[in-house]
Amino acid sequence: MTTQWNKPLPTVAGETKPFWDSCRRGQLVIQRCDDCGEYQWYPRGICANCWSENIQWVQASGRGTVWTYTITQQNRTTGFAEMVPYVLALVELEEGVRMFTNIVDCNPRDVHIGMAVEVTFQTATPQITIPYFKPAA
């Protein structure tokens, strides 16, 4: 996607900074616990499964499936109004975690539960790149 960014920007700080730094490099990362082996999303300072502090950022496959979704038909918010209709989806990555995202590069009516998707990135500013998902090739 190569449009000018006019949506709110994420706050890049604390536990989320490694995620946003990786997105800027075109890599999707999630956390994995070194003690129990569980993956987790959203970023946290401890493992949500075993409470260990031994968590690491690891590169995700970038592939997943649409777990559920909705097609947004109305949104008057600046940056979103011109996008309608658009898809807000919960994508389950191959690693088992689920991320809220938009499905792009396809007709919203073509999106379906179980649809194979892969990550794609849009540069919002020189410092911030946003991950989206598109139909898998």
C-alpha atoms as a PDB file:
ATOM      1  CA  MET A   1       0.000   0.000   0.000  1.00  0.00           C
ATOM      2  CA  THR A   2       1.417   3.382  -0.943  1.00  0.00           C
ATOM      3  CA  THR A   3      -1.071   6.024   0.200  1.00  0.00           C
ATOM      4  CA  GLN A   4      -0.290   8.993   2.427  1.00  0.00           C
ATOM      5  CA  TRP A   5      -0.818   8.086   6.093  1.00  0.00           C
ATOM      6  CA  ASN A   6      -3.538  10.109   7.856  1.00  0.00           C
ATOM      7  CA  LYS A   7      -4.627   7.699  10.610  1.00  0.00           C
ATOM      8  CA  PRO A   8      -3.614   7.742  14.273  1.00  0.00           C
ATOM      9  CA  LEU A   9      -0.106   6.441  14.910  1.00  0.00           C
ATOM     10  CA  PRO A  10       0.844   3.856  17.517  1.00  0.00           C
ATOM     11  CA  THR A  11       2.861   4.839  20.555  1.00  0.00           C
ATOM     12  CA  VAL A  12       6.286   3.281  20.154  1.00  0.00           C
ATOM     13  CA  ALA A  13       7.609   2.790  23.670  1.00  0.00           C
ATOM     14  CA  GLY A  14       8.409   0.238  26.339  1.00  0.00           C
ATOM     15  CA  GLU A  15       7.389  -3.327  25.612  1.00  0.00           C
ATOM     16  CA  THR A  16       6.162  -2.526  22.079  1.00  0.00           C
ATOM     17  CA  LYS A  17       9.355  -0.883  20.772  1.00  0.00           C
ATOM     18  CA  PRO A  18      11.011  -4.142  19.541  1.00  0.00           C
ATOM     19  CA  PHE A  19       7.821  -4.978  17.620  1.00  0.00           C
ATOM     20  CA  TRP A  20       7.683  -1.617  15.836  1.00  0.00           C
ATOM     21  CA  ASP A  21      11.444  -1.649  15.160  1.00  0.00           C
ATOM     22  CA  SER A  22      11.035  -5.061  13.493  1.00  0.00           C
ATOM     23  CA  CYS A  23       8.048  -3.898  11.431  1.00  0.00           C
ATOM     24  CA  ARG A  24      10.176  -1.025  10.131  1.00  0.00           C
ATOM     25  CA  ARG A  25      12.615  -3.703   8.863  1.00  0.00           C
ATOM     26  CA  GLY A  26       9.750  -5.653   7.224  1.00  0.00           C
ATOM     27  CA  GLN A  27       9.696  -8.415   9.851  1.00  0.00           C
ATOM     28  CA  LEU A  28       6.740  -9.553  11.931  1.00  0.00           C
ATOM     29  CA  VAL A  29       7.814 -10.604  15.428  1.00  0.00           C
ATOM     30  CA  ILE A  30       5.981 -12.049  18.419  1.00  0.00           C
ATOM     31  CA  GLN A  31       7.135 -13.130  21.862  1.00  0.00           C
ATOM     32  CA  ARG A  32       8.023 -16.673  22.926  1.00  0.00           C
ATOM     33  CA  CYS A  33       8.743 -17.864  26.450  1.00  0.00           C
ATOM     34  CA  ASP A  34      12.078 -19.644  26.882  1.00  0.00           C
ATOM     35  CA  ASP A  35      10.716 -21.567  29.894  1.00  0.00           C
ATOM     36  CA  CYS A  36       7.371 -22.968  28.673  1.00  0.00           C
ATOM     37  CA  GLY A  37       7.757 -22.460  24.911  1.00  0.00           C
ATOM     38  CA  GLU A  38       4.435 -20.629  24.502  1.00  0.00           C
ATOM     39  CA  TYR A  39       4.054 -17.805  21.996  1.00  0.00           C
ATOM     40  CA  GLN A  40       2.169 -14.682  22.988  1.00  0.00           C
ATOM     41  CA  TRP A  41       0.687 -11.606  21.451  1.00  0.00           C
ATOM     42  CA  TYR A  42       0.311  -8.690  22.542  1.00  0.00           C
ATOM     43  CA  PRO A  43       3.697  -7.625  23.953  1.00  0.00           C
ATOM     44  CA  ARG A  44       4.182  -8.077  27.700  1.00  0.00           C
ATOM     45  CA  GLY A  45       7.060  -8.054  30.143  1.00  0.00           C
ATOM     46  CA  ILE A  46       6.276 -11.574  31.384  1.00  0.00           C
ATOM     47  CA  CYS A  47       4.892 -14.811  29.963  1.00  0.00           C
ATOM     48  CA  ALA A  48       1.087 -14.854  30.139  1.00  0.00           C
ATOM     49  CA  ASN A  49       1.199 -18.660  30.481  1.00  0.00           C
ATOM     50  CA  CYS A  50       3.803 -19.349  33.198  1.00  0.00           C
ATOM     51  CA  TRP A  51       4.699 -15.818  34.378  1.00  0.00           C
ATOM     52  CA  SER A  52       8.351 -16.263  33.510  1.00  0.00           C
ATOM     53  CA  GLU A  53      10.417 -13.203  32.677  1.00  0.00           C
ATOM     54  CA  ASN A  54      12.408 -15.258  30.132  1.00  0.00           C
ATOM     55  CA  ILE A  55      10.601 -14.078  27.024  1.00  0.00           C
ATOM     56  CA  GLN A  56      12.231 -13.376  23.673  1.00  0.00           C
ATOM     57  CA  TRP A  57      11.171 -11.715  20.452  1.00  0.00           C
ATOM     58  CA  VAL A  58      11.155 -14.206  17.577  1.00  0.00           C
ATOM     59  CA  GLN A  59      10.352 -13.766  13.919  1.00  0.00           C
ATOM     60  CA  ALA A  60       6.891 -15.073  13.070  1.00  0.00           C
ATOM     61  CA  SER A  61       6.169 -16.869   9.818  1.00  0.00           C
ATOM     62  CA  GLY A  62       3.914 -14.018   8.724  1.00  0.00           C
ATOM     63  CA  ARG A  63       1.304 -16.538   7.584  1.00  0.00           C
ATOM     64  CA  GLY A  64      -2.053 -17.233   9.142  1.00  0.00           C
ATOM     65  CA  THR A  65      -5.769 -17.615   8.625  1.00  0.00           C
ATOM     66  CA  VAL A  66      -8.737 -15.341   9.165  1.00  0.00           C
ATOM     67  CA  TRP A  67     -10.251 -16.464  12.475  1.00  0.00           C
ATOM     68  CA  THR A  68     -13.126 -13.965  12.347  1.00  0.00           C
ATOM     69  CA  TYR A  69     -13.794 -10.628  10.685  1.00  0.00           C
ATOM     70  CA  THR A  70     -16.215  -7.797  10.065  1.00  0.00           C
ATOM     71  CA  ILE A  71     -16.655  -5.499   7.104  1.00  0.00           C
ATOM     72  CA  THR A  72     -16.830  -1.881   8.203  1.00  0.00           C
ATOM     73  CA  GLN A  73     -19.333  -0.007   6.059  1.00  0.00           C
ATOM     74  CA  GLN A  74     -19.342   3.320   7.914  1.00  0.00           C
ATOM     75  CA  ASN A  75     -16.633   5.239   9.718  1.00  0.00           C
ATOM     76  CA  ARG A  76     -16.507   9.034   9.808  1.00  0.00           C
ATOM     77  CA  THR A  77     -13.098   9.149  11.494  1.00  0.00           C
ATOM     78  CA  THR A  78     -10.364  10.926   9.532  1.00  0.00           C
ATOM     79  CA  GLY A  79      -8.139   8.369   7.851  1.00  0.00           C
ATOM     80  CA  PHE A  80     -10.789   5.665   7.920  1.00  0.00           C
ATOM     81  CA  ALA A  81     -13.765   7.331   6.202  1.00  0.00           C
ATOM     82  CA  GLU A  82     -12.096   7.117   2.797  1.00  0.00           C
ATOM     83  CA  MET A  83     -11.292   3.407   3.293  1.00  0.00           C
ATOM     84  CA  VAL A  84     -14.857   2.086   3.638  1.00  0.00           C
ATOM     85  CA  PRO A  85     -15.726  -0.617   3.120  1.00  0.00           C
ATOM     86  CA  TYR A  86     -12.743  -2.259   4.824  1.00  0.00           C
ATOM     87  CA  VAL A  87     -12.109  -5.472   6.742  1.00  0.00           C
ATOM     88  CA  LEU A  88     -11.174  -5.646  10.409  1.00  0.00           C
ATOM     89  CA  ALA A  89     -10.072  -9.191  11.156  1.00  0.00           C
ATOM     90  CA  LEU A  90      -8.681 -11.369  13.881  1.00  0.00           C
ATOM     91  CA  VAL A  91      -5.932 -13.390  12.188  1.00  0.00           C
ATOM     92  CA  GLU A  92      -4.551 -16.532  13.789  1.00  0.00           C
ATOM     93  CA  LEU A  93      -0.861 -16.854  12.977  1.00  0.00           C
ATOM     94  CA  GLU A  94       0.733 -20.253  12.325  1.00  0.00           C
ATOM     95  CA  GLU A  95       2.345 -19.879  15.746  1.00  0.00           C
ATOM     96  CA  GLY A  96      -1.122 -19.891  17.354  1.00  0.00           C
ATOM     97  CA  VAL A  97      -1.471 -16.283  18.481  1.00  0.00           C
ATOM     98  CA  ARG A  98      -4.219 -14.006  17.182  1.00  0.00           C
ATOM     99  CA  MET A  99      -3.744 -10.416  16.007  1.00  0.00           C
ATOM    100  CA  PHE A 100      -6.297  -7.752  15.123  1.00  0.00           C
ATOM    101  CA  THR A 101      -5.506  -6.309  11.713  1.00  0.00           C
ATOM    102  CA  ASN A 102      -6.965  -5.147   8.445  1.00  0.00           C
ATOM    103  CA  ILE A 103      -7.182  -7.418   5.418  1.00  0.00           C
ATOM    104  CA  VAL A 104      -5.991  -5.461   2.373  1.00  0.00           C
ATOM    105  CA  ASP A 105      -5.393  -5.964  -1.346  1.00  0.00           C
ATOM    106  CA  CYS A 106      -8.683  -7.749  -1.961  1.00  0.00           C
ATOM    107  CA  ASN A 107     -12.397  -7.130  -2.243  1.00  0.00           C
ATOM    108  CA  PRO A 108     -13.851  -7.160   1.292  1.00  0.00           C
ATOM    109  CA  ARG A 109     -16.612  -9.508   0.075  1.00  0.00           C
ATOM    110  CA  ASP A 110     -13.962 -12.106  -0.822  1.00  0.00           C
ATOM    111  CA  VAL A 111     -12.730 -12.410   2.780  1.00  0.00           C
ATOM    112  CA  HIS A 112     -13.931 -15.495   4.651  1.00  0.00           C
ATOM    113  CA  ILE A 113     -13.221 -17.378   7.860  1.00  0.00           C
ATOM    114  CA  GLY A 114     -10.338 -19.780   7.283  1.00  0.00           C
ATOM    115  CA  MET A 115      -8.890 -17.686   4.439  1.00  0.00           C
ATOM    116  CA  ALA A 116      -5.097 -18.008   4.162  1.00  0.00           C
ATOM    117  CA  VAL A 117      -3.344 -14.657   4.603  1.00  0.00           C
ATOM    118  CA  GLU A 118       0.192 -13.301   4.823  1.00  0.00           C
ATOM    119  CA  VAL A 119       1.682 -10.172   6.314  1.00  0.00           C
ATOM    120  CA  THR A 120       2.366  -7.059   4.281  1.00  0.00           C
ATOM    121  CA  PHE A 121       3.624  -3.704   5.515  1.00  0.00           C
ATOM    122  CA  GLN A 122       2.748  -0.053   4.922  1.00  0.00           C
ATOM    123  CA  THR A 123       5.126   2.746   5.833  1.00  0.00           C
ATOM    124  CA  ALA A 124       3.248   5.363   7.849  1.00  0.00           C
ATOM    125  CA  THR A 125       6.237   7.595   8.677  1.00  0.00           C
ATOM    126  CA  PRO A 126       9.988   7.067   8.330  1.00  0.00           C
ATOM    127  CA  GLN A 127       9.926   5.665  11.891  1.00  0.00           C
ATOM    128  CA  ILE A 128       6.674   3.656  11.836  1.00  0.00           C
ATOM    129  CA  THR A 129       5.611   0.800   9.572  1.00  0.00           C
ATOM    130  CA  ILE A 130       2.220  -0.856  10.055  1.00  0.00           C
ATOM    131  CA  PRO A 131       1.617  -4.587   9.479  1.00  0.00           C
ATOM    132  CA  TYR A 132      -1.504  -5.646   7.596  1.00  0.00           C
ATOM    133  CA  PHE A 133      -2.516  -8.961   6.084  1.00  0.00           C
ATOM    134  CA  LYS A 134      -3.437  -9.795   2.499  1.00  0.00           C
ATOM    135  CA  PRO A 135      -4.624 -12.971   0.779  1.00  0.00           C
ATOM    136  CA  ALA A 136      -1.783 -15.507   0.646  1.00  0.00           C
ATOM    137  CA  ALA A 137      -0.135 -15.951  -2.729  1.00  0.00           C
END
